[in-house]
Amino acid sequence: MRAFLDKHFLLNTNTAIQLYDNAVDGLPIFDFHCHLDPREVWENKPYENITKVWLGGDHYKWRTMRIHGIAEQYITGNASDWEKFSAWAETVPYLMGNPLYHWTHMELKMFFGIEKTLSPATAREIFDECNEKLKTPEFTPRAFIKRSNVKFIGTTDDPVSTLEYHQLLKNDDTFKTMIAPTFRPDGALFIERPTFKSWIEKLENVSGIKVDSLDGLIQALQQRVDYFHEHGGRASDHDIQRMDYVQTTKDEIEPIFTKRMNNETLSQEELTLYKAFLLTELGKMYAAKQWVMQLHMGAMRNNNTKMKNVLGPDTGFDSVGETNFAEGISRFLDALDQQDALPRTVLFNLNQKDNPVLAGMMGNFYEEGVPGKVQFGSGWWFLDHIDGMERQMKDLANVGLLSHFIGMLTDSRSFLSYARHDYFRRILCNLLGDWAEKGLVPHDMEHLEQMVKNIGYDNAEKYFLQR
């Protein structure tokens, strides 16, 4: 019987162990999509306690605490930080089978050297030990990044952001990790939101361009793309809840934009036309800059209206959607490709039924000299677990080239989440090791080790930075 979280955790064959020991140990991290706050990195302030760094903003944990029956007071409410940590410790023993159980203990071990399992019986001891260590310089945001050997961080940024802290970090010779902004234009695309017009005002202020027409919107967005590029931006990111793509023209969209600016309600057909048009215009901007376009597809957001009204959006009440992306994503990519304006694109799905759709779709569009121009992104959010990651890689391998896969991302707001890269790499090593020991692939360790290194780091660096 193996001990929990031992040296060979998740590695079930000798080949898997060898791959991990020889190819993963010391491998840096290229975290191309996350939600870290660059201001926290710049200020580099010590955390008051483990609750601040571990539970603040983590809707993954919030969801499971609610499922366990924990009162909201101890999740997002006004309970003390110790009470919130204690409530999390009460939940953890019930998490077996959920990746959060593994991540929780990997983070305690990796960053704090704590190998005890978290429970009500150990909560106070672990809370106090973590808090003592958090008082030292080895436990600041920058120290967590350095200890994790992170070479690149792609944050997620509103086009109206000034990118002040990205620039400060870039000019700081003592900080070696590259932190690049990622262009996330939800404010422009979700024209139906009540905040649309106030967001347009912010866009006008930051771009210096009057947005009183569709042309003005496109010009202002182009100015922001240019600005992001000047500040190191090399990627965009999009929340695509549905992909009902219809080709349209600017003349058809102008009255729709004007109608919304006059506070008139838009039909579903008008919303579809507007989003298809603007997403295409943005795709052309990205291609001109040689950016990567990331499409995170399929989230059904803010299901609980009552709690949205209390806590706001993105507080742990999202789930897996069930829509048909096949035709829409095909038409969208093809529309850009016909104009020679298809950027390198990463397709992420949230419903496992869509794996074959995206794994097959990526082979329809290519560019000479660009391996894996369209990528099938790693298991994301509700697929960010052993079964989800294995299934994604197997489905990719079945119809595409796993060797060109760009690997894992954290998609997290926590500086402790770099343990997820180790989690993914162990799963990758175990998968390849199992294939080798079953005779499904040659037992060529040199080739397999290079493949692990490529998927674990090198492919992503080349894909995003064109190195």
Protein backbone atom coordinates (compact mmCIF):
# COMPACT_ATOMS: atom_id res chain seq x y z
CA MET A 1 0.00 0.00 0.00
CA ARG A 2 1.34 3.44 -1.01
CA ALA A 3 1.41 6.38 1.38
CA PHE A 4 -0.73 9.37 0.47
CA LEU A 5 1.12 12.03 -1.52
CA ASP A 6 4.42 10.13 -1.50
CA LYS A 7 7.32 10.91 -3.81
CA HIS A 8 5.74 8.91 -6.61
CA PHE A 9 2.21 10.26 -6.20
CA LEU A 10 0.11 9.53 -9.32
CA LEU A 11 3.02 7.66 -10.93
CA ASN A 12 1.98 4.03 -11.25
CA THR A 13 4.77 2.48 -13.33
CA ASN A 14 8.56 2.50 -13.29
CA THR A 15 8.58 4.26 -16.65
CA ALA A 16 6.30 7.00 -15.31
CA ILE A 17 8.60 7.47 -12.31
CA GLN A 18 11.64 7.68 -14.58
CA LEU A 19 9.95 10.21 -16.84
CA TYR A 20 9.01 12.37 -13.88
CA ASP A 21 12.42 12.18 -12.22
CA ASN A 22 14.38 12.86 -15.40
CA ALA A 23 12.12 15.31 -17.26
CA VAL A 24 9.99 17.16 -14.72
CA ASP A 25 12.37 17.82 -11.85
CA GLY A 26 13.54 21.43 -12.21
CA LEU A 27 11.31 22.12 -15.22
CA PRO A 28 10.18 25.77 -15.19
CA ILE A 29 6.55 26.88 -15.49
CA PHE A 30 5.00 28.81 -18.37
CA ASP A 31 1.64 29.89 -16.94
CA PHE A 32 -0.07 31.39 -19.96
CA HIS A 33 -3.50 31.95 -18.38
CA CYS A 34 -4.28 32.96 -14.81
CA HIS A 35 -6.10 35.60 -12.79
CA LEU A 36 -3.28 36.81 -10.55
CA ASP A 37 -3.25 40.49 -9.68
CA PRO A 38 -0.01 42.13 -10.90
CA ARG A 39 -0.45 44.77 -8.20
CA GLU A 40 0.03 42.07 -5.55
CA VAL A 41 3.24 40.99 -7.24
CA TRP A 42 4.53 44.56 -7.44
CA GLU A 43 3.69 45.47 -3.85
CA ASN A 44 4.93 42.06 -2.62
CA LYS A 45 3.26 42.51 0.74
CA PRO A 46 3.35 39.66 3.27
CA TYR A 47 0.04 37.92 3.80
CA GLU A 48 -1.61 38.41 7.15
CA ASN A 49 -2.54 34.73 7.35
CA ILE A 50 -3.11 31.59 5.30
CA THR A 51 -6.81 32.40 4.85
CA LYS A 52 -5.93 35.54 2.89
CA VAL A 53 -3.70 33.73 0.41
CA TRP A 54 -5.70 30.49 0.25
CA LEU A 55 -9.41 31.25 0.50
CA GLY A 56 -9.82 34.82 -0.67
CA GLY A 57 -11.47 34.79 -4.10
CA ASP A 58 -11.21 31.01 -4.54
CA HIS A 59 -14.65 30.06 -5.80
CA TYR A 60 -13.51 26.43 -6.28
CA LYS A 61 -13.26 26.12 -2.50
CA TRP A 62 -16.36 28.24 -1.90
CA ARG A 63 -18.50 25.87 -3.97
CA THR A 64 -17.48 22.78 -2.05
CA MET A 65 -17.96 24.52 1.30
CA ARG A 66 -21.51 25.43 0.27
CA ILE A 67 -22.16 21.87 -0.90
CA HIS A 68 -20.97 20.73 2.53
CA GLY A 69 -23.52 23.02 4.14
CA ILE A 70 -21.19 25.70 5.50
CA ALA A 71 -22.97 29.01 6.18
CA GLU A 72 -22.07 31.86 3.82
CA GLN A 73 -20.84 33.86 6.81
CA TYR A 74 -17.84 31.51 6.94
CA ILE A 75 -17.22 31.63 3.19
CA THR A 76 -17.58 35.19 1.92
CA GLY A 77 -19.13 36.77 5.01
CA ASN A 78 -17.82 38.63 8.03
CA ALA A 79 -16.52 35.68 10.05
CA SER A 80 -12.93 35.94 11.24
CA ASP A 81 -10.12 34.53 9.11
CA TRP A 82 -9.60 31.74 11.63
CA GLU A 83 -13.30 30.83 11.50
CA LYS A 84 -13.17 30.72 7.69
CA PHE A 85 -10.06 28.54 7.74
CA SER A 86 -11.69 26.28 10.31
CA ALA A 87 -14.76 25.95 8.07
CA TRP A 88 -12.51 24.96 5.16
CA ALA A 89 -10.74 22.40 7.38
CA GLU A 90 -14.15 21.01 8.29
CA THR A 91 -14.90 20.54 4.58
CA VAL A 92 -11.58 19.02 3.44
CA PRO A 93 -12.02 15.44 4.78
CA TYR A 94 -15.17 15.17 2.68
CA LEU A 95 -13.34 16.16 -0.52
CA MET A 96 -11.79 12.79 -1.32
CA GLY A 97 -12.18 12.23 -5.06
CA ASN A 98 -12.21 15.97 -5.78
CA PRO A 99 -8.94 17.48 -7.09
CA LEU A 100 -9.17 20.09 -4.34
CA TYR A 101 -8.26 17.37 -1.86
CA HIS A 102 -5.02 16.72 -3.72
CA TRP A 103 -4.28 20.40 -4.43
CA THR A 104 -4.84 21.37 -0.80
CA HIS A 105 -2.31 18.90 0.51
CA MET A 106 0.14 19.40 -2.35
CA GLU A 107 0.19 23.15 -1.60
CA LEU A 108 0.69 22.59 2.12
CA LYS A 109 3.56 20.23 1.39
CA MET A 110 5.16 22.12 -1.50
CA PHE A 111 5.15 25.59 0.02
CA PHE A 112 4.94 25.08 3.79
CA GLY A 113 6.56 21.68 4.26
CA ILE A 114 3.44 20.41 6.03
CA GLU A 115 2.62 16.75 5.42
CA LYS A 116 -0.28 16.40 7.85
CA THR A 117 -3.74 16.08 6.33
CA LEU A 118 -6.02 19.02 7.01
CA SER A 119 -9.01 18.32 9.26
CA PRO A 120 -10.71 19.89 12.27
CA ALA A 121 -8.21 18.05 14.47
CA THR A 122 -5.17 19.57 12.73
CA ALA A 123 -6.64 22.91 11.67
CA ARG A 124 -5.31 25.08 14.50
CA GLU A 125 -1.81 23.62 14.31
CA ILE A 126 -1.63 24.04 10.52
CA PHE A 127 -3.14 27.54 10.66
CA ASP A 128 -0.56 28.69 13.21
CA GLU A 129 2.40 27.06 11.43
CA CYS A 130 1.48 28.58 8.06
CA ASN A 131 0.95 31.99 9.62
CA GLU A 132 4.36 31.97 11.28
CA LYS A 133 6.02 31.16 7.95
CA LEU A 134 4.00 33.81 6.13
CA LYS A 135 5.72 36.44 8.28
CA THR A 136 9.06 35.69 6.61
CA PRO A 137 10.39 37.01 3.25
CA GLU A 138 10.29 33.49 1.77
CA PHE A 139 6.49 33.58 1.71
CA THR A 140 5.63 36.73 -0.23
CA PRO A 141 4.00 36.69 -3.70
CA ARG A 142 7.34 37.08 -5.48
CA ALA A 143 8.90 34.37 -3.33
CA PHE A 144 6.11 31.94 -4.25
CA ILE A 145 6.69 32.69 -7.94
CA LYS A 146 10.44 32.27 -7.66
CA ARG A 147 10.21 29.06 -5.64
CA SER A 148 7.85 27.61 -8.23
CA ASN A 149 10.35 28.48 -11.01
CA VAL A 150 7.75 30.41 -12.97
CA LYS A 151 9.23 32.04 -16.07
CA PHE A 152 6.07 33.52 -17.60
CA ILE A 153 2.71 34.64 -16.24
CA GLY A 154 -0.17 35.67 -18.47
CA THR A 155 -2.64 37.71 -16.44
CA THR A 156 -6.21 38.46 -17.53
CA ASP A 157 -6.85 42.15 -18.08
CA ASP A 158 -9.67 44.47 -19.06
CA PRO A 159 -8.89 46.61 -22.15
CA VAL A 160 -9.54 49.72 -20.04
CA SER A 161 -6.67 48.80 -17.69
CA THR A 162 -3.70 51.18 -17.68
CA LEU A 163 -1.35 48.19 -17.12
CA GLU A 164 0.50 50.32 -14.58
CA TYR A 165 1.77 47.39 -12.54
CA HIS A 166 2.83 45.38 -15.57
CA GLN A 167 5.05 48.29 -16.56
CA LEU A 168 6.47 48.70 -13.05
CA LEU A 169 7.34 45.00 -12.92
CA LYS A 170 8.90 45.11 -16.36
CA ASN A 171 11.16 47.95 -15.24
CA ASP A 172 12.15 46.17 -12.02
CA ASP A 173 15.51 44.49 -12.62
CA THR A 174 15.19 42.50 -9.38
CA PHE A 175 12.13 40.61 -10.69
CA LYS A 176 13.00 38.08 -13.39
CA THR A 177 9.62 36.52 -14.26
CA MET A 178 7.88 37.91 -17.35
CA ILE A 179 4.34 39.05 -16.51
CA ALA A 180 2.36 39.86 -19.65
CA PRO A 181 -1.18 41.24 -19.91
CA THR A 182 -3.88 39.30 -21.71
CA PHE A 183 -6.60 41.24 -23.53
CA ARG A 184 -10.06 40.23 -22.20
CA PRO A 185 -12.71 42.42 -23.94
CA ASP A 186 -15.83 41.11 -22.20
CA GLY A 187 -16.95 44.70 -21.67
CA ALA A 188 -17.17 45.26 -25.42
CA LEU A 189 -18.65 41.91 -26.43
CA PHE A 190 -21.36 41.53 -23.80
CA ILE A 191 -23.41 44.42 -25.14
CA GLU A 192 -26.52 43.22 -23.25
CA ARG A 193 -25.00 43.82 -19.81
CA PRO A 194 -26.30 46.78 -17.79
CA THR A 195 -22.69 47.94 -17.41
CA PHE A 196 -22.07 48.23 -21.16
CA LYS A 197 -22.48 52.00 -21.50
CA SER A 198 -20.47 52.78 -18.38
CA TRP A 199 -17.71 50.51 -19.72
CA ILE A 200 -17.81 52.41 -23.04
CA GLU A 201 -17.21 55.64 -21.10
CA LYS A 202 -14.14 54.09 -19.50
CA LEU A 203 -12.93 52.96 -22.93
CA GLU A 204 -13.34 56.50 -24.25
CA ASN A 205 -11.38 57.94 -21.33
CA VAL A 206 -8.48 55.53 -21.56
CA SER A 207 -8.22 55.48 -25.37
CA GLY A 208 -8.95 59.15 -26.04
CA ILE A 209 -11.37 58.11 -28.81
CA LYS A 210 -15.04 59.05 -28.89
CA VAL A 211 -17.16 55.90 -29.07
CA ASP A 212 -20.42 57.18 -30.51
CA SER A 213 -20.47 54.83 -33.49
CA LEU A 214 -19.39 51.32 -34.42
CA ASP A 215 -16.31 52.76 -36.13
CA GLY A 216 -15.43 54.57 -32.92
CA LEU A 217 -15.70 51.32 -30.93
CA ILE A 218 -13.43 49.46 -33.36
CA GLN A 219 -10.89 52.29 -33.40
CA ALA A 220 -10.85 52.45 -29.59
CA LEU A 221 -10.38 48.68 -29.29
CA GLN A 222 -7.57 48.80 -31.85
CA GLN A 223 -5.90 51.52 -29.79
CA ARG A 224 -6.09 49.29 -26.72
CA VAL A 225 -4.72 46.27 -28.63
CA ASP A 226 -1.81 48.47 -29.72
CA TYR A 227 -1.32 49.65 -26.14
CA PHE A 228 -1.36 46.11 -24.74
CA HIS A 229 1.13 45.03 -27.40
CA GLU A 230 3.48 47.87 -26.44
CA HIS A 231 3.26 46.66 -22.84
CA GLY A 232 4.11 43.04 -23.61
CA GLY A 233 0.68 41.67 -24.44
CA ARG A 234 0.80 38.69 -26.78
CA ALA A 235 -2.59 37.06 -26.21
CA SER A 236 -6.30 37.62 -25.82
CA ASP A 237 -8.86 35.66 -23.88
CA HIS A 238 -12.61 35.32 -24.39
CA ASP A 239 -15.52 33.97 -22.39
CA ILE A 240 -17.61 32.24 -25.07
CA GLN A 241 -20.78 30.97 -23.45
CA ARG A 242 -22.36 30.24 -26.85
CA MET A 243 -20.90 30.19 -30.35
CA ASP A 244 -23.80 30.84 -32.72
CA TYR A 245 -21.72 32.35 -35.48
CA VAL A 246 -23.32 34.18 -38.41
CA GLN A 247 -21.36 36.17 -40.97
CA THR A 248 -22.55 39.75 -41.20
CA THR A 249 -21.46 43.22 -42.27
CA LYS A 250 -20.69 46.49 -40.56
CA ASP A 251 -23.76 48.08 -42.18
CA GLU A 252 -25.96 45.49 -40.47
CA ILE A 253 -24.31 45.96 -37.08
CA GLU A 254 -24.22 49.77 -36.96
CA PRO A 255 -27.96 50.14 -36.19
CA ILE A 256 -27.70 47.42 -33.55
CA PHE A 257 -24.92 49.31 -31.78
CA THR A 258 -26.86 52.58 -32.07
CA LYS A 259 -29.97 50.91 -30.70
CA ARG A 260 -28.10 49.72 -27.61
CA MET A 261 -26.48 53.11 -27.06
CA ASN A 262 -30.02 54.53 -27.06
CA ASN A 263 -30.91 52.10 -24.23
CA GLU A 264 -33.17 49.99 -26.44
CA THR A 265 -33.46 46.25 -25.84
CA LEU A 266 -31.78 43.95 -28.36
CA SER A 267 -33.19 40.67 -29.62
CA GLN A 268 -31.26 37.42 -29.36
CA GLU A 269 -30.67 37.53 -33.12
CA GLU A 270 -29.21 41.04 -32.82
CA LEU A 271 -26.95 39.95 -29.97
CA THR A 272 -25.69 37.02 -32.03
CA LEU A 273 -24.95 39.22 -35.05
CA TYR A 274 -23.17 41.87 -32.98
CA LYS A 275 -20.95 39.39 -31.13
CA ALA A 276 -20.07 37.51 -34.32
CA PHE A 277 -19.07 40.73 -36.06
CA LEU A 278 -17.03 42.15 -33.20
CA LEU A 279 -15.29 38.87 -32.45
CA THR A 280 -14.26 38.66 -36.10
CA GLU A 281 -12.91 42.22 -36.04
CA LEU A 282 -10.96 41.44 -32.88
CA GLY A 283 -9.60 38.23 -34.39
CA LYS A 284 -8.20 40.23 -37.30
CA MET A 285 -6.51 42.63 -34.86
CA TYR A 286 -4.92 39.70 -33.01
CA ALA A 287 -3.68 38.10 -36.23
CA ALA A 288 -2.07 41.38 -37.31
CA LYS A 289 -0.14 41.46 -34.01
CA GLN A 290 0.64 37.72 -34.20
CA TRP A 291 -1.14 37.21 -30.89
CA VAL A 292 -2.69 34.02 -29.53
CA MET A 293 -6.49 34.02 -29.23
CA GLN A 294 -7.87 31.92 -26.36
CA LEU A 295 -11.53 30.89 -26.37
CA HIS A 296 -12.87 29.51 -23.09
CA MET A 297 -16.17 28.01 -24.14
CA GLY A 298 -19.19 26.55 -22.44
CA ALA A 299 -19.59 28.05 -18.97
CA MET A 300 -23.15 28.56 -17.78
CA ARG A 301 -22.65 31.48 -15.43
CA ASN A 302 -24.42 32.96 -12.42
CA ASN A 303 -27.08 30.28 -12.15
CA ASN A 304 -28.20 31.42 -8.70
CA THR A 305 -29.88 34.80 -9.19
CA LYS A 306 -30.50 35.33 -5.49
CA MET A 307 -26.81 34.90 -4.63
CA LYS A 308 -25.70 36.95 -7.63
CA ASN A 309 -27.77 39.81 -6.27
CA VAL A 310 -26.11 39.41 -2.87
CA LEU A 311 -22.48 38.68 -3.82
CA GLY A 312 -22.19 39.71 -7.46
CA PRO A 313 -21.03 37.62 -10.45
CA ASP A 314 -18.23 35.02 -10.49
CA THR A 315 -18.63 33.96 -6.88
CA GLY A 316 -18.96 30.22 -7.33
CA PHE A 317 -22.41 29.73 -8.86
CA ASP A 318 -21.32 28.77 -12.38
CA SER A 319 -21.53 25.32 -13.94
CA VAL A 320 -21.07 23.33 -17.14
CA GLY A 321 -23.17 24.46 -20.08
CA GLU A 322 -24.58 22.26 -22.81
CA THR A 323 -24.52 23.94 -26.18
CA ASN A 324 -23.44 22.90 -29.67
CA PHE A 325 -20.14 24.56 -30.60
CA ALA A 326 -19.28 22.53 -33.68
CA GLU A 327 -20.90 24.57 -36.42
CA GLY A 328 -20.33 27.96 -34.79
CA ILE A 329 -16.62 27.51 -34.09
CA SER A 330 -16.10 26.07 -37.58
CA ARG A 331 -17.75 29.07 -39.23
CA PHE A 332 -15.87 31.54 -37.04
CA LEU A 333 -12.41 30.07 -37.64
CA ASP A 334 -13.16 29.64 -41.33
CA ALA A 335 -14.33 33.26 -41.69
CA LEU A 336 -10.99 34.47 -40.33
CA ASP A 337 -9.01 31.93 -42.32
CA GLN A 338 -10.66 33.04 -45.56
CA GLN A 339 -9.30 36.53 -44.88
CA ASP A 340 -5.83 35.17 -44.01
CA ALA A 341 -6.51 36.58 -40.54
CA LEU A 342 -6.76 33.50 -38.32
CA PRO A 343 -4.48 33.95 -35.30
CA ARG A 344 -2.99 31.08 -33.37
CA THR A 345 -6.00 29.90 -31.39
CA VAL A 346 -6.54 27.80 -28.26
CA LEU A 347 -9.95 26.15 -27.89
CA PHE A 348 -11.02 25.24 -24.34
CA ASN A 349 -14.23 23.36 -23.63
CA LEU A 350 -16.01 22.85 -20.32
CA ASN A 351 -18.25 19.94 -21.31
CA GLN A 352 -16.41 16.69 -21.92
CA LYS A 353 -18.85 15.73 -24.67
CA ASP A 354 -17.21 18.44 -26.80
CA ASN A 355 -13.73 16.86 -26.64
CA PRO A 356 -14.00 15.12 -30.02
CA VAL A 357 -15.47 18.27 -31.58
CA LEU A 358 -12.50 20.44 -30.62
CA ALA A 359 -9.85 17.75 -31.02
CA GLY A 360 -11.07 17.23 -34.57
CA MET A 361 -11.67 20.92 -35.32
CA MET A 362 -8.05 21.89 -34.72
CA GLY A 363 -6.94 19.80 -37.69
CA ASN A 364 -9.05 21.83 -40.12
CA PHE A 365 -6.90 24.97 -39.92
CA TYR A 366 -3.15 25.14 -40.17
CA GLU A 367 -0.20 27.26 -41.20
CA GLU A 368 3.02 26.05 -42.72
CA GLY A 369 5.83 26.12 -40.18
CA VAL A 370 3.51 26.58 -37.17
CA PRO A 371 3.09 23.27 -35.29
CA GLY A 372 -0.36 23.01 -33.76
CA LYS A 373 -1.58 26.43 -34.89
CA VAL A 374 -5.04 25.68 -33.50
CA GLN A 375 -4.76 24.02 -30.11
CA PHE A 376 -7.15 21.91 -28.06
CA GLY A 377 -6.63 23.43 -24.62
CA SER A 378 -6.06 21.46 -21.44
CA GLY A 379 -8.86 20.28 -19.15
CA TRP A 380 -10.29 23.49 -17.69
CA TRP A 381 -12.32 24.31 -14.57
CA PHE A 382 -14.83 21.46 -14.19
CA LEU A 383 -12.50 19.22 -16.24
CA ASP A 384 -9.40 20.19 -14.24
CA HIS A 385 -8.99 16.77 -12.60
CA ILE A 386 -7.30 13.43 -13.27
CA ASP A 387 -10.05 12.00 -15.47
CA GLY A 388 -10.56 15.29 -17.32
CA MET A 389 -6.87 15.82 -18.07
CA GLU A 390 -6.31 12.22 -19.12
CA ARG A 391 -9.39 12.23 -21.33
CA GLN A 392 -8.40 15.51 -22.98
CA MET A 393 -4.91 14.22 -23.79
CA LYS A 394 -6.20 10.88 -25.06
CA ASP A 395 -8.81 12.53 -27.26
CA LEU A 396 -6.20 14.92 -28.59
CA ALA A 397 -3.79 12.06 -29.26
CA ASN A 398 -6.47 9.96 -30.96
CA VAL A 399 -7.10 12.46 -33.76
CA GLY A 400 -4.24 14.96 -33.53
CA LEU A 401 -0.64 15.34 -32.36
CA LEU A 402 -0.25 15.21 -28.59
CA SER A 403 3.44 16.02 -29.05
CA HIS A 404 2.56 19.62 -30.02
CA PHE A 405 0.19 20.17 -27.08
CA ILE A 406 0.93 23.38 -25.11
CA GLY A 407 0.03 21.87 -21.76
CA MET A 408 -1.24 23.22 -18.47
CA LEU A 409 -2.33 26.58 -17.06
CA THR A 410 -3.42 27.51 -13.53
CA ASP A 411 -6.53 29.64 -14.28
CA SER A 412 -6.23 30.74 -10.65
CA ARG A 413 -6.09 33.79 -8.40
CA SER A 414 -3.78 32.11 -5.88
CA PHE A 415 0.02 32.17 -5.80
CA LEU A 416 -0.09 28.66 -4.35
CA SER A 417 -1.80 27.16 -7.40
CA TYR A 418 1.46 26.36 -9.16
CA ALA A 419 1.13 22.95 -7.57
CA ARG A 420 -1.40 22.27 -10.32
CA HIS A 421 1.39 22.21 -12.89
CA ASP A 422 3.09 19.43 -10.94
CA TYR A 423 -0.26 17.64 -10.76
CA PHE A 424 -0.68 17.85 -14.54
CA ARG A 425 2.91 16.77 -15.22
CA ARG A 426 2.54 13.70 -13.02
CA ILE A 427 -0.64 12.76 -14.89
CA LEU A 428 1.17 13.27 -18.21
CA CYS A 429 4.13 11.12 -17.12
CA ASN A 430 1.80 8.42 -15.87
CA LEU A 431 -0.13 8.38 -19.16
CA LEU A 432 2.99 8.10 -21.34
CA GLY A 433 4.59 5.64 -18.94
CA ASP A 434 1.52 3.42 -19.09
CA TRP A 435 1.55 3.49 -22.89
CA ALA A 436 5.22 2.54 -22.96
CA GLU A 437 4.86 -0.33 -20.51
CA LYS A 438 1.88 -1.71 -22.41
CA GLY A 439 3.87 -1.60 -25.65
CA LEU A 440 1.59 1.00 -27.19
CA VAL A 441 4.59 3.28 -27.85
CA PRO A 442 8.31 2.46 -28.03
CA HIS A 443 10.18 2.43 -24.72
CA ASP A 444 12.45 5.18 -26.03
CA MET A 445 13.18 7.18 -22.90
CA GLU A 446 15.09 9.93 -24.66
CA HIS A 447 12.13 10.62 -26.94
CA LEU A 448 9.52 10.33 -24.17
CA GLU A 449 11.47 12.59 -21.81
CA GLN A 450 11.75 15.25 -24.51
CA MET A 451 8.03 14.92 -25.17
CA VAL A 452 7.29 15.55 -21.48
CA LYS A 453 9.56 18.61 -21.46
CA ASN A 454 7.93 19.94 -24.62
CA ILE A 455 4.39 19.55 -23.33
CA GLY A 456 5.36 20.70 -19.84
CA TYR A 457 7.07 23.92 -20.94
CA ASP A 458 8.78 24.32 -24.32
CA ASN A 459 5.72 24.10 -26.59
CA ALA A 460 3.90 26.86 -24.71
CA GLU A 461 6.91 29.16 -24.73
CA LYS A 462 7.37 28.75 -28.48
CA TYR A 463 3.63 29.10 -29.15
CA PHE A 464 3.08 32.29 -27.17
CA LEU A 465 6.46 33.98 -27.61
CA GLN A 466 7.32 32.52 -31.05
CA ARG A 467 10.75 31.42 -29.90
